[in-house]
C-alpha atoms as a PDB file:
ATOM      1  CA  MET A   1      -2.826  10.917 -32.890  1.00  0.00           C
ATOM      2  CA  LYS A   2       0.974  12.061 -32.960  1.00  0.00           C
ATOM      3  CA  SER A   3       2.991  11.854 -29.619  1.00  0.00           C
ATOM      4  CA  ASN A   4       2.900  15.403 -28.319  1.00  0.00           C
ATOM      5  CA  HIS A   5       5.340  16.004 -25.605  1.00  0.00           C
ATOM      6  CA  SER A   6       4.517  19.701 -24.597  1.00  0.00           C
ATOM      7  CA  ARG A   7       1.566  18.396 -23.100  1.00  0.00           C
ATOM      8  CA  ARG A   8       2.007  18.372 -19.502  1.00  0.00           C
ATOM      9  CA  VAL A   9       0.442  15.557 -16.721  1.00  0.00           C
ATOM     10  CA  VAL A  10      -1.159  17.451 -14.612  1.00  0.00           C
ATOM     11  CA  LEU A  11      -0.828  15.117 -10.712  1.00  0.00           C
ATOM     12  CA  ALA A  12      -4.213  15.829  -8.720  1.00  0.00           C
ATOM     13  CA  SER A  13      -2.724  14.484  -5.412  1.00  0.00           C
ATOM     14  CA  THR A  14      -0.588  15.083  -2.408  1.00  0.00           C
ATOM     15  CA  SER A  15       0.714  11.941  -2.678  1.00  0.00           C
ATOM     16  CA  PRO A  16       4.776  11.909  -2.419  1.00  0.00           C
ATOM     17  CA  ARG A  17       4.662   8.194  -3.678  1.00  0.00           C
ATOM     18  CA  ARG A  18       2.827   8.904  -6.428  1.00  0.00           C
ATOM     19  CA  GLN A  19       4.837  12.034  -7.316  1.00  0.00           C
ATOM     20  CA  GLU A  20       8.480  10.552  -7.373  1.00  0.00           C
ATOM     21  CA  LEU A  21       6.838   7.692  -9.636  1.00  0.00           C
ATOM     22  CA  ILE A  22       5.469  10.710 -12.586  1.00  0.00           C
ATOM     23  CA  ALA A  23       8.666  12.390 -11.633  1.00  0.00           C
ATOM     24  CA  SER A  24      10.247   8.781 -13.485  1.00  0.00           C
ATOM     25  CA  LEU A  25       8.160   9.297 -16.218  1.00  0.00           C
ATOM     26  CA  HIS A  26      10.671  11.704 -17.214  1.00  0.00           C
ATOM     27  CA  ILE A  27       6.864  13.925 -18.903  1.00  0.00           C
ATOM     28  CA  PRO A  28       6.192  17.340 -18.324  1.00  0.00           C
ATOM     29  CA  TYR A  29       4.043  17.813 -14.918  1.00  0.00           C
ATOM     30  CA  GLU A  30       2.805  19.544 -12.384  1.00  0.00           C
ATOM     31  CA  ILE A  31       0.123  18.799  -9.423  1.00  0.00           C
ATOM     32  CA  HIS A  32      -2.957  20.021  -8.180  1.00  0.00           C
ATOM     33  CA  PRO A  33      -4.606  18.455  -5.072  1.00  0.00           C
ATOM     34  CA  SER A  34      -8.170  17.703  -5.656  1.00  0.00           C
ATOM     35  CA  HIS A  35      -9.067  17.577  -2.314  1.00  0.00           C
ATOM     36  CA  ALA A  36     -12.313  15.201  -3.432  1.00  0.00           C
ATOM     37  CA  ASP A  37     -14.801  13.116  -1.162  1.00  0.00           C
ATOM     38  CA  GLU A  38     -13.486  10.136  -1.061  1.00  0.00           C
ATOM     39  CA  HIS A  39     -16.956   8.175   0.791  1.00  0.00           C
ATOM     40  CA  THR A  40     -17.692   5.645  -1.512  1.00  0.00           C
ATOM     41  CA  PRO A  41     -21.643   3.424  -1.592  1.00  0.00           C
ATOM     42  CA  THR A  42     -21.297   0.044   0.947  1.00  0.00           C
ATOM     43  CA  ASP A  43     -21.927  -1.874  -2.294  1.00  0.00           C
ATOM     44  CA  TRP A  44     -19.206  -1.120  -4.585  1.00  0.00           C
ATOM     45  CA  THR A  45     -16.498  -3.831  -5.196  1.00  0.00           C
ATOM     46  CA  PRO A  46     -12.889  -2.424  -5.319  1.00  0.00           C
ATOM     47  CA  ASP A  47     -12.812  -2.038  -8.709  1.00  0.00           C
ATOM     48  CA  GLN A  48     -15.735   0.606  -8.462  1.00  0.00           C
ATOM     49  CA  ILE A  49     -14.281   1.881  -5.657  1.00  0.00           C
ATOM     50  CA  VAL A  50     -10.507   2.576  -6.880  1.00  0.00           C
ATOM     51  CA  GLU A  51     -11.116   3.404 -10.106  1.00  0.00           C
ATOM     52  CA  GLY A  52     -14.718   5.879  -8.961  1.00  0.00           C
ATOM     53  CA  LEU A  53     -13.029   7.407  -6.625  1.00  0.00           C
ATOM     54  CA  SER A  54      -9.777   8.012  -9.043  1.00  0.00           C
ATOM     55  CA  LEU A  55     -12.223   9.775 -11.440  1.00  0.00           C
ATOM     56  CA  ARG A  56     -13.788  12.060  -8.701  1.00  0.00           C
ATOM     57  CA  LYS A  57      -9.900  12.865  -7.779  1.00  0.00           C
ATOM     58  CA  ALA A  58      -9.304  13.918 -12.003  1.00  0.00           C
ATOM     59  CA  LYS A  59     -12.907  15.612 -12.172  1.00  0.00           C
ATOM     60  CA  ALA A  60     -12.336  17.753  -9.392  1.00  0.00           C
ATOM     61  CA  VAL A  61      -9.227  19.499 -10.713  1.00  0.00           C
ATOM     62  CA  TYR A  62     -10.466  18.993 -13.938  1.00  0.00           C
ATOM     63  CA  GLU A  63     -14.134  21.521 -12.719  1.00  0.00           C
ATOM     64  CA  GLN A  64     -10.416  23.874 -11.501  1.00  0.00           C
ATOM     65  CA  ILE A  65      -8.488  24.095 -14.078  1.00  0.00           C
ATOM     66  CA  GLY A  66     -10.669  22.399 -17.206  1.00  0.00           C
ATOM     67  CA  GLY A  67     -11.170  24.371 -20.818  1.00  0.00           C
ATOM     68  CA  PRO A  68     -10.407  24.872 -24.143  1.00  0.00           C
ATOM     69  CA  SER A  69      -7.060  25.775 -24.291  1.00  0.00           C
ATOM     70  CA  GLU A  70      -5.308  23.828 -21.327  1.00  0.00           C
ATOM     71  CA  ASP A  71      -3.613  21.173 -23.066  1.00  0.00           C
ATOM     72  CA  ALA A  72      -3.215  18.650 -20.503  1.00  0.00           C
ATOM     73  CA  VAL A  73      -4.299  15.365 -18.669  1.00  0.00           C
ATOM     74  CA  ILE A  74      -5.533  15.101 -15.513  1.00  0.00           C
ATOM     75  CA  VAL A  75      -4.244  11.916 -13.786  1.00  0.00           C
ATOM     76  CA  GLY A  76      -6.302  11.185 -10.866  1.00  0.00           C
ATOM     77  CA  SER A  77      -5.466   7.328  -8.769  1.00  0.00           C
ATOM     78  CA  ASP A  78      -6.505   5.344  -5.295  1.00  0.00           C
ATOM     79  CA  THR A  79      -5.413   2.711  -3.848  1.00  0.00           C
ATOM     80  CA  ILE A  80      -7.326   0.077  -1.289  1.00  0.00           C
ATOM     81  CA  VAL A  81      -6.373  -2.970   0.423  1.00  0.00           C
ATOM     82  CA  VAL A  82      -8.236  -5.636   0.729  1.00  0.00           C
ATOM     83  CA  LEU A  83      -8.412  -9.094   2.940  1.00  0.00           C
ATOM     84  CA  GLY A  84     -11.519 -10.797   2.059  1.00  0.00           C
ATOM     85  CA  ASP A  85     -14.529  -9.556   1.739  1.00  0.00           C
ATOM     86  CA  ARG A  86     -12.632  -5.851   3.757  1.00  0.00           C
ATOM     87  CA  VAL A  87     -11.997  -3.094   2.487  1.00  0.00           C
ATOM     88  CA  LEU A  88      -8.830  -1.383   4.535  1.00  0.00           C
ATOM     89  CA  GLY A  89      -7.773   2.712   3.712  1.00  0.00           C
ATOM     90  CA  LYS A  90      -5.655   4.465   5.586  1.00  0.00           C
ATOM     91  CA  PRO A  91      -5.741   3.761   9.637  1.00  0.00           C
ATOM     92  CA  ALA A  92      -7.327   6.319  11.452  1.00  0.00           C
ATOM     93  CA  ASP A  93      -5.040   5.651  14.646  1.00  0.00           C
ATOM     94  CA  ASP A  94      -2.009   3.884  15.792  1.00  0.00           C
ATOM     95  CA  ALA A  95      -4.751   1.074  16.972  1.00  0.00           C
ATOM     96  CA  ASP A  96      -6.692   1.131  14.092  1.00  0.00           C
ATOM     97  CA  ALA A  97      -3.316   0.068  12.392  1.00  0.00           C
ATOM     98  CA  PHE A  98      -2.408  -2.196  14.246  1.00  0.00           C
ATOM     99  CA  ARG A  99      -5.448  -4.393  13.959  1.00  0.00           C
ATOM    100  CA  MET A 100      -5.297  -3.745  10.340  1.00  0.00           C
ATOM    101  CA  LEU A 101      -1.437  -5.525  10.352  1.00  0.00           C
ATOM    102  CA  LYS A 102      -2.814  -7.980  12.696  1.00  0.00           C
ATOM    103  CA  SER A 103      -5.321  -9.256  10.395  1.00  0.00           C
ATOM    104  CA  LEU A 104      -3.039  -8.943   7.239  1.00  0.00           C
ATOM    105  CA  GLN A 105      -0.179 -11.274   8.772  1.00  0.00           C
ATOM    106  CA  GLY A 106       0.877 -14.616   7.818  1.00  0.00           C
ATOM    107  CA  ARG A 107      -1.848 -14.091   4.225  1.00  0.00           C
ATOM    108  CA  THR A 108      -2.564 -13.098   1.185  1.00  0.00           C
ATOM    109  CA  HIS A 109      -4.506  -9.599   0.577  1.00  0.00           C
ATOM    110  CA  GLN A 110      -5.173  -8.017  -2.726  1.00  0.00           C
ATOM    111  CA  VAL A 111      -4.627  -3.899  -3.124  1.00  0.00           C
ATOM    112  CA  TYR A 112      -6.004  -2.903  -5.801  1.00  0.00           C
ATOM    113  CA  THR A 113      -5.132   0.611  -7.891  1.00  0.00           C
ATOM    114  CA  GLY A 114      -7.087   2.934 -10.233  1.00  0.00           C
ATOM    115  CA  VAL A 115      -5.990   5.159 -12.585  1.00  0.00           C
ATOM    116  CA  ALA A 116      -7.992   7.915 -14.302  1.00  0.00           C
ATOM    117  CA  CYS A 117      -6.706   9.996 -16.955  1.00  0.00           C
ATOM    118  CA  ILE A 118      -9.276  13.511 -18.302  1.00  0.00           C
ATOM    119  CA  ASP A 119      -8.137  15.497 -20.968  1.00  0.00           C
ATOM    120  CA  ALA A 120      -8.416  19.192 -19.612  1.00  0.00           C
ATOM    121  CA  ALA A 121      -9.220  20.449 -23.494  1.00  0.00           C
ATOM    122  CA  THR A 122     -11.636  17.991 -24.482  1.00  0.00           C
ATOM    123  CA  GLY A 123     -13.428  16.424 -20.774  1.00  0.00           C
ATOM    124  CA  GLN A 124     -12.624  13.544 -22.807  1.00  0.00           C
ATOM    125  CA  SER A 125     -11.624  11.181 -19.753  1.00  0.00           C
ATOM    126  CA  LEU A 126     -10.307   6.994 -19.841  1.00  0.00           C
ATOM    127  CA  VAL A 127     -10.216   4.827 -16.457  1.00  0.00           C
ATOM    128  CA  ARG A 128      -8.584   1.605 -15.542  1.00  0.00           C
ATOM    129  CA  HIS A 129      -7.225   0.317 -12.625  1.00  0.00           C
ATOM    130  CA  LYS A 130      -4.894  -3.178 -11.888  1.00  0.00           C
ATOM    131  CA  MET A 131      -4.980  -5.430  -8.872  1.00  0.00           C
ATOM    132  CA  THR A 132      -1.555  -7.001  -7.359  1.00  0.00           C
ATOM    133  CA  ARG A 133      -1.802 -10.030  -4.556  1.00  0.00           C
ATOM    134  CA  VAL A 134       0.465  -9.457  -1.750  1.00  0.00           C
ATOM    135  CA  VAL A 135       1.743 -12.394   0.227  1.00  0.00           C
ATOM    136  CA  MET A 136       2.651 -10.998   4.207  1.00  0.00           C
ATOM    137  CA  LYS A 137       4.615 -12.472   6.810  1.00  0.00           C
ATOM    138  CA  GLU A 138       4.007 -14.056   9.946  1.00  0.00           C
ATOM    139  CA  LEU A 139       4.944 -10.942  12.558  1.00  0.00           C
ATOM    140  CA  THR A 140       4.781 -10.737  16.519  1.00  0.00           C
ATOM    141  CA  ASP A 141       2.974  -8.387  18.239  1.00  0.00           C
ATOM    142  CA  ALA A 142       6.455  -6.842  19.190  1.00  0.00           C
ATOM    143  CA  LYS A 143       7.358  -6.426  15.296  1.00  0.00           C
ATOM    144  CA  ILE A 144       3.447  -4.968  14.037  1.00  0.00           C
ATOM    145  CA  GLU A 145       4.652  -2.433  17.191  1.00  0.00           C
ATOM    146  CA  ALA A 146       7.828  -1.107  16.158  1.00  0.00           C
ATOM    147  CA  TYR A 147       6.580  -0.702  12.412  1.00  0.00           C
ATOM    148  CA  ILE A 148       4.297   1.500  13.642  1.00  0.00           C
ATOM    149  CA  ARG A 149       6.169   3.714  16.254  1.00  0.00           C
ATOM    150  CA  SER A 150       8.325   4.176  13.077  1.00  0.00           C
ATOM    151  CA  GLY A 151       5.375   6.761  11.773  1.00  0.00           C
ATOM    152  CA  GLU A 152       5.136   4.737   8.556  1.00  0.00           C
ATOM    153  CA  PRO A 153       1.990   3.375   8.491  1.00  0.00           C
ATOM    154  CA  ARG A 154      -0.613   6.394   9.563  1.00  0.00           C
ATOM    155  CA  ASP A 155      -1.349   7.625   5.689  1.00  0.00           C
ATOM    156  CA  LYS A 156      -1.139   4.562   3.869  1.00  0.00           C
ATOM    157  CA  ALA A 157      -4.152   1.849   2.404  1.00  0.00           C
ATOM    158  CA  GLY A 158      -3.970  -1.638   4.536  1.00  0.00           C
ATOM    159  CA  ALA A 159      -1.208   1.015   7.260  1.00  0.00           C
ATOM    160  CA  TYR A 160       1.707  -0.016   5.489  1.00  0.00           C
ATOM    161  CA  GLY A 161       3.823   0.835   2.580  1.00  0.00           C
ATOM    162  CA  ILE A 162       5.793  -1.743   0.287  1.00  0.00           C
ATOM    163  CA  GLN A 163       8.471   1.044  -1.104  1.00  0.00           C
ATOM    164  CA  GLY A 164       9.436   1.987   2.832  1.00  0.00           C
ATOM    165  CA  LEU A 165      10.366   0.161   5.942  1.00  0.00           C
ATOM    166  CA  GLY A 166       7.188  -1.736   5.277  1.00  0.00           C
ATOM    167  CA  SER A 167       9.752  -3.905   2.631  1.00  0.00           C
ATOM    168  CA  THR A 168      10.325  -5.845   5.094  1.00  0.00           C
ATOM    169  CA  LEU A 169       6.929  -7.440   6.705  1.00  0.00           C
ATOM    170  CA  VAL A 170       6.040  -8.516   2.706  1.00  0.00           C
ATOM    171  CA  GLU A 171       6.906 -12.274   1.839  1.00  0.00           C
ATOM    172  CA  SER A 172       5.802 -11.948  -1.724  1.00  0.00           C
ATOM    173  CA  ILE A 173       3.924 -10.234  -4.756  1.00  0.00           C
ATOM    174  CA  LYS A 174       1.853 -11.729  -7.689  1.00  0.00           C
ATOM    175  CA  GLY A 175       1.429  -8.470 -10.093  1.00  0.00           C
ATOM    176  CA  CYS A 176       2.438  -5.066 -10.615  1.00  0.00           C
ATOM    177  CA  TYR A 177       4.804  -3.772  -7.596  1.00  0.00           C
ATOM    178  CA  PHE A 178       3.619   0.239  -8.310  1.00  0.00           C
ATOM    179  CA  THR A 179       0.026  -0.977  -8.009  1.00  0.00           C
ATOM    180  CA  VAL A 180       0.944  -1.108  -4.142  1.00  0.00           C
ATOM    181  CA  VAL A 181       3.220   1.887  -4.063  1.00  0.00           C
ATOM    182  CA  GLY A 182       0.268   3.452  -5.707  1.00  0.00           C
ATOM    183  CA  LEU A 183       0.810   4.515  -8.766  1.00  0.00           C
ATOM    184  CA  PRO A 184       0.756   1.229 -12.277  1.00  0.00           C
ATOM    185  CA  VAL A 185       2.881   3.392 -14.093  1.00  0.00           C
ATOM    186  CA  SER A 186       2.552   0.817 -16.981  1.00  0.00           C
ATOM    187  CA  LEU A 187      -0.762   1.399 -16.968  1.00  0.00           C
ATOM    188  CA  LEU A 188      -0.262   4.804 -16.920  1.00  0.00           C
ATOM    189  CA  SER A 189       2.227   4.673 -19.902  1.00  0.00           C
ATOM    190  CA  ASP A 190      -0.759   2.850 -22.144  1.00  0.00           C
ATOM    191  CA  MET A 191      -3.391   5.574 -20.882  1.00  0.00           C
ATOM    192  CA  LEU A 192      -1.504   8.855 -21.572  1.00  0.00           C
ATOM    193  CA  SER A 193      -0.328   7.308 -24.855  1.00  0.00           C
ATOM    194  CA  GLU A 194      -4.624   7.675 -25.979  1.00  0.00           C
ATOM    195  CA  PHE A 195      -4.145  11.128 -25.052  1.00  0.00           C
ATOM    196  CA  GLY A 196      -0.873  11.381 -27.439  1.00  0.00           C
ATOM    197  CA  ILE A 197       1.123  11.490 -24.742  1.00  0.00           C
ATOM    198  CA  ASP A 198       4.263   8.962 -24.631  1.00  0.00           C
ATOM    199  CA  VAL A 199       6.565   8.443 -22.578  1.00  0.00           C
ATOM    200  CA  LEU A 200       8.747   6.156 -24.736  1.00  0.00           C
END
């Protein structure tokens, strides 16, 4: 398939971080929130969760805008934090954020991000994921509380954002940094090229 820069990308997300990352690719894009249900079966593995939710988000937008004349690729993405056998989504409130950060501090956890692409004209889809290991520093309760007061943990899986103040809580990472931010751009660019959109 030849490169086609006239095709646009439709991001099925309201995440400011994902919007910034997709903007950094310098390709035509627009935002179309999916409002998809994010509940998953309790027996799903982390990769099933992020791939399943990414595809669900992309499909919700495809059902609204898809059709033979639609020259676009819809991108859905989902991120979770996994500690041992526990999946940590977005905190319900500040107390929940405190519990999450307390459990993560001084330990290694995994961050999974799924990416789904759907050709809006044909309905053809592609779904993949990346996983990055993150080691968090040992933290005092006072530091955790100060971080929660910043407001940053509220809408983030695992109650921290590595691209913001949360970077000061992280000791090291092994894997793709952008997977932790919420959109592995290297993986996405490979997937888009399979739909005829070459970033470079």
